[in-house]
Amino acid sequence: IFHGKRADAIVKGMLQHSRSSSAVKEPTDINALADEYLRLAYHGLRAKDKSFNATMKTDFDDTIGMVNVIPQDIGRVILNLITNAFYAVSEKQKALQTPYPLKGGVDFEPLVSVSTKLQVPLSGGRGLVESGGRGSDGAMVSVSVSDNGPGIPNHLLDKIFQPFFTTKPTGQGTGLGLSLSYDIVKAHGGELKVETKEGEGSVFTIQLPVS
């Protein structure tokens, strides 16, 4: 049954992905999009598990303005990253509440943070710097989703963006979330990166060109 459900979810995911590829870019308020999906993801998880609680933090750069993206696609990427972050902190919380709790279990407070930043090119084209105002050509917007979950082991890091790879139990993940997210961001001319420290958490960052 699990494999049937997984296959069904995979097919649906691919169909959704192919349908949305005909959508067009439009000026989008990235901050509003991130804020909306953060709340959606949290309430979605709370609906499934009433015992789940987490602190949410946001740090939005109000100099970003509107960014040309396909909102439903970038929204799906943001939602996926946030849902993964909540899943990670809830798994860590469960592990720390076992009959033999790990050290520091009592003090653990699940935290998911979402931040945005406008980065403009340095003169001479060497790297990007945070901006206090609207950027010029070559400016990038970054959306970062961080959690204080268990982190990702080094030996899995090079696999997480591969199709059908999942660390979730059978029936809970299709293994398409991050690979589709990676493809969507690449199709927008951007990059999806991850920084992680085992035992301490992860940060996924979407970088998108402003123009």
Protein backbone atom coordinates (compact mmCIF):
# COMPACT_ATOMS: atom_id res chain seq x y z
CA ILE A 1 0.00 0.00 0.00
CA PHE A 2 2.79 2.41 0.93
CA HIS A 3 4.54 1.92 -2.40
CA GLY A 4 1.25 2.46 -4.26
CA LYS A 5 0.63 5.69 -2.37
CA ARG A 6 4.22 6.82 -2.94
CA ALA A 7 3.94 6.17 -6.68
CA ASP A 8 0.64 8.05 -6.76
CA ALA A 9 2.19 11.02 -4.94
CA ILE A 10 5.18 10.99 -7.30
CA VAL A 11 2.96 11.03 -10.39
CA LYS A 12 0.82 13.82 -8.93
CA GLY A 13 3.96 15.78 -8.09
CA MET A 14 5.28 15.44 -11.62
CA LEU A 15 1.94 16.42 -13.13
CA GLN A 16 1.76 19.51 -10.93
CA HIS A 17 5.31 20.38 -11.90
CA SER A 18 4.65 20.04 -15.64
CA ARG A 19 1.38 21.98 -15.42
CA SER A 20 2.95 24.91 -13.65
CA SER A 21 5.82 25.18 -16.13
CA SER A 22 3.50 27.05 -18.52
CA ALA A 23 2.91 29.77 -15.89
CA VAL A 24 4.43 33.20 -16.42
CA LYS A 25 6.66 35.33 -14.25
CA GLU A 26 5.02 38.28 -12.57
CA PRO A 27 6.12 40.94 -10.07
CA THR A 28 5.86 39.20 -6.71
CA ASP A 29 6.21 40.33 -3.10
CA ILE A 30 8.68 37.69 -1.89
CA ASN A 31 8.35 38.78 1.75
CA ALA A 32 4.56 38.36 1.72
CA LEU A 33 4.91 35.00 -0.03
CA ALA A 34 7.42 33.71 2.55
CA ASP A 35 5.33 35.00 5.46
CA GLU A 36 2.13 33.43 4.11
CA TYR A 37 3.72 30.01 3.54
CA LEU A 38 5.44 30.03 6.94
CA ARG A 39 2.03 30.38 8.62
CA LEU A 40 0.39 27.88 6.26
CA ALA A 41 3.04 25.25 6.96
CA TYR A 42 2.84 25.76 10.73
CA HIS A 43 -0.95 25.56 10.89
CA GLY A 44 -0.91 22.56 8.54
CA LEU A 45 1.44 20.71 10.90
CA ARG A 46 -0.53 21.76 13.98
CA ALA A 47 -3.70 20.41 12.37
CA LYS A 48 -2.02 16.99 12.05
CA ASP A 49 -0.27 17.06 15.42
CA LYS A 50 -1.82 19.21 18.16
CA SER A 51 1.15 18.60 20.47
CA PHE A 52 3.59 20.25 18.05
CA ASN A 53 4.83 23.73 18.94
CA ALA A 54 7.65 25.76 17.48
CA THR A 55 8.91 29.31 17.62
CA MET A 56 8.79 31.14 14.28
CA LYS A 57 11.07 34.05 13.51
CA THR A 58 11.09 36.29 10.46
CA ASP A 59 13.61 38.86 9.29
CA PHE A 60 12.44 40.40 6.04
CA ASP A 61 14.43 42.97 4.05
CA ASP A 62 11.89 45.66 3.17
CA THR A 63 14.15 47.14 0.46
CA ILE A 64 13.50 44.16 -1.85
CA GLY A 65 10.34 45.43 -3.52
CA MET A 66 8.79 43.23 -6.21
CA VAL A 67 10.71 40.38 -7.86
CA ASN A 68 9.84 38.80 -11.22
CA VAL A 69 9.10 35.13 -10.52
CA ILE A 70 6.42 32.51 -11.10
CA PRO A 71 4.76 32.96 -7.69
CA GLN A 72 3.13 29.52 -7.43
CA ASP A 73 6.44 27.81 -8.26
CA ILE A 74 8.63 29.84 -5.89
CA GLY A 75 5.83 29.58 -3.31
CA ARG A 76 5.99 25.79 -3.63
CA VAL A 77 9.77 25.85 -3.08
CA ILE A 78 9.46 28.09 0.00
CA LEU A 79 6.63 25.94 1.39
CA ASN A 80 8.68 22.78 0.85
CA LEU A 81 11.73 24.19 2.64
CA ILE A 82 9.64 25.45 5.56
CA THR A 83 7.71 22.16 5.86
CA ASN A 84 11.02 20.27 5.89
CA ALA A 85 12.34 22.60 8.60
CA PHE A 86 9.29 22.02 10.82
CA TYR A 87 9.58 18.27 10.20
CA ALA A 88 13.28 18.38 11.22
CA VAL A 89 12.66 20.22 14.50
CA SER A 90 9.67 18.01 15.37
CA GLU A 91 11.77 14.86 14.78
CA LYS A 92 14.51 16.24 17.01
CA GLN A 93 11.94 17.10 19.68
CA LYS A 94 10.51 13.56 19.54
CA ALA A 95 14.01 12.04 19.80
CA LEU A 96 14.73 14.16 22.87
CA GLN A 97 11.50 13.05 24.55
CA THR A 98 12.23 9.32 24.36
CA PRO A 99 12.43 7.34 27.63
CA TYR A 100 16.20 7.93 27.62
CA PRO A 101 16.41 11.58 26.57
CA LEU A 102 19.58 12.86 24.99
CA LYS A 103 21.65 15.44 26.86
CA GLY A 104 20.01 18.87 26.74
CA GLY A 105 16.61 17.45 25.84
CA VAL A 106 14.74 19.50 28.41
CA ASP A 107 16.03 22.80 27.04
CA PHE A 108 15.30 22.20 23.36
CA GLU A 109 12.93 24.73 21.80
CA PRO A 110 12.07 24.09 18.14
CA LEU A 111 12.88 27.18 16.09
CA VAL A 112 12.26 27.86 12.38
CA SER A 113 13.45 31.19 10.95
CA VAL A 114 12.75 32.71 7.55
CA SER A 115 14.75 35.68 6.33
CA THR A 116 15.10 37.59 3.06
CA LYS A 117 17.91 39.83 1.85
CA LEU A 118 18.63 41.98 -1.19
CA GLN A 119 22.23 41.62 -2.35
CA VAL A 120 23.79 43.85 -5.01
CA PRO A 121 27.05 43.29 -6.91
CA LEU A 122 30.19 44.93 -5.62
CA SER A 123 31.81 47.29 -8.08
CA GLY A 124 34.16 45.31 -10.27
CA GLY A 125 31.80 42.33 -10.12
CA ARG A 126 33.51 40.57 -7.22
CA GLY A 127 30.77 39.00 -5.13
CA LEU A 128 27.61 40.43 -3.61
CA VAL A 129 26.99 42.80 -0.74
CA GLU A 130 23.83 43.48 1.27
CA SER A 131 22.01 46.55 0.04
CA GLY A 132 20.26 49.38 1.81
CA GLY A 133 18.25 50.22 -1.30
CA ARG A 134 17.09 48.92 -4.66
CA GLY A 135 19.81 47.15 -6.60
CA SER A 136 20.93 47.33 -10.19
CA ASP A 137 21.48 44.59 -12.77
CA GLY A 138 22.98 41.49 -11.24
CA ALA A 139 21.23 42.00 -7.90
CA MET A 140 20.05 38.87 -6.14
CA VAL A 141 17.35 38.20 -3.59
CA SER A 142 17.99 35.46 -1.07
CA VAL A 143 15.36 33.62 0.96
CA SER A 144 16.80 31.57 3.83
CA VAL A 145 14.94 28.97 5.87
CA SER A 146 16.83 27.83 8.97
CA ASP A 147 16.02 25.31 11.68
CA ASN A 148 17.66 24.06 14.86
CA GLY A 149 16.86 20.43 14.05
CA PRO A 150 19.23 17.46 13.86
CA GLY A 151 21.10 18.71 10.78
CA ILE A 152 22.03 16.59 7.76
CA PRO A 153 24.83 14.02 8.02
CA ASN A 154 27.76 14.74 5.68
CA HIS A 155 27.38 11.46 3.79
CA LEU A 156 23.82 12.44 2.75
CA LEU A 157 24.55 16.03 1.69
CA ASP A 158 25.39 15.20 -1.93
CA LYS A 159 22.19 13.12 -2.26
CA ILE A 160 19.49 15.41 -0.90
CA PHE A 161 18.75 17.12 -4.24
CA GLN A 162 18.57 13.81 -6.14
CA PRO A 163 15.10 12.68 -7.32
CA PHE A 164 13.42 10.04 -5.11
CA PHE A 165 15.96 10.40 -2.28
CA THR A 166 14.24 10.86 1.09
CA THR A 167 15.24 10.45 4.71
CA LYS A 168 11.59 10.24 5.79
CA PRO A 169 9.98 6.92 6.70
CA THR A 170 8.23 4.93 3.95
CA GLY A 171 4.96 6.57 2.97
CA GLN A 172 5.86 9.99 4.43
CA GLY A 173 7.99 11.46 1.65
CA THR A 174 8.22 11.07 -2.12
CA GLY A 175 11.82 12.25 -2.36
CA LEU A 176 10.73 14.82 -4.94
CA GLY A 177 10.41 17.94 -2.78
CA LEU A 178 14.03 19.08 -2.84
CA SER A 179 14.81 17.85 -6.36
CA LEU A 180 11.80 19.71 -7.81
CA SER A 181 12.66 22.75 -5.67
CA TYR A 182 16.21 22.67 -7.06
CA ASP A 183 14.88 22.46 -10.64
CA ILE A 184 12.40 25.32 -10.12
CA VAL A 185 15.08 27.61 -8.67
CA LYS A 186 17.50 26.72 -11.51
CA ALA A 187 14.75 27.46 -14.06
CA HIS A 188 14.50 30.93 -12.52
CA GLY A 189 18.24 31.42 -13.06
CA GLY A 190 18.91 31.05 -9.35
CA GLU A 191 20.58 28.67 -6.93
CA LEU A 192 19.46 26.52 -4.00
CA LYS A 193 22.15 25.98 -1.37
CA VAL A 194 22.37 24.25 1.97
CA GLU A 195 24.55 24.73 5.04
CA THR A 196 24.22 22.25 7.87
CA LYS A 197 25.84 21.23 11.12
CA GLU A 198 25.02 17.80 12.47
CA GLY A 199 23.15 18.06 15.75
CA GLU A 200 22.67 21.83 15.41
CA GLY A 201 20.47 22.47 12.38
CA SER A 202 20.35 23.46 8.71
CA VAL A 203 19.94 26.54 6.55
CA PHE A 204 18.52 26.29 3.04
CA THR A 205 18.97 29.41 0.92
CA ILE A 206 17.25 30.27 -2.36
CA GLN A 207 19.10 32.89 -4.41
CA LEU A 208 17.13 34.52 -7.24
CA PRO A 209 18.08 37.22 -9.73
CA VAL A 210 16.04 40.41 -9.24
CA SER A 211 15.76 41.14 -12.97
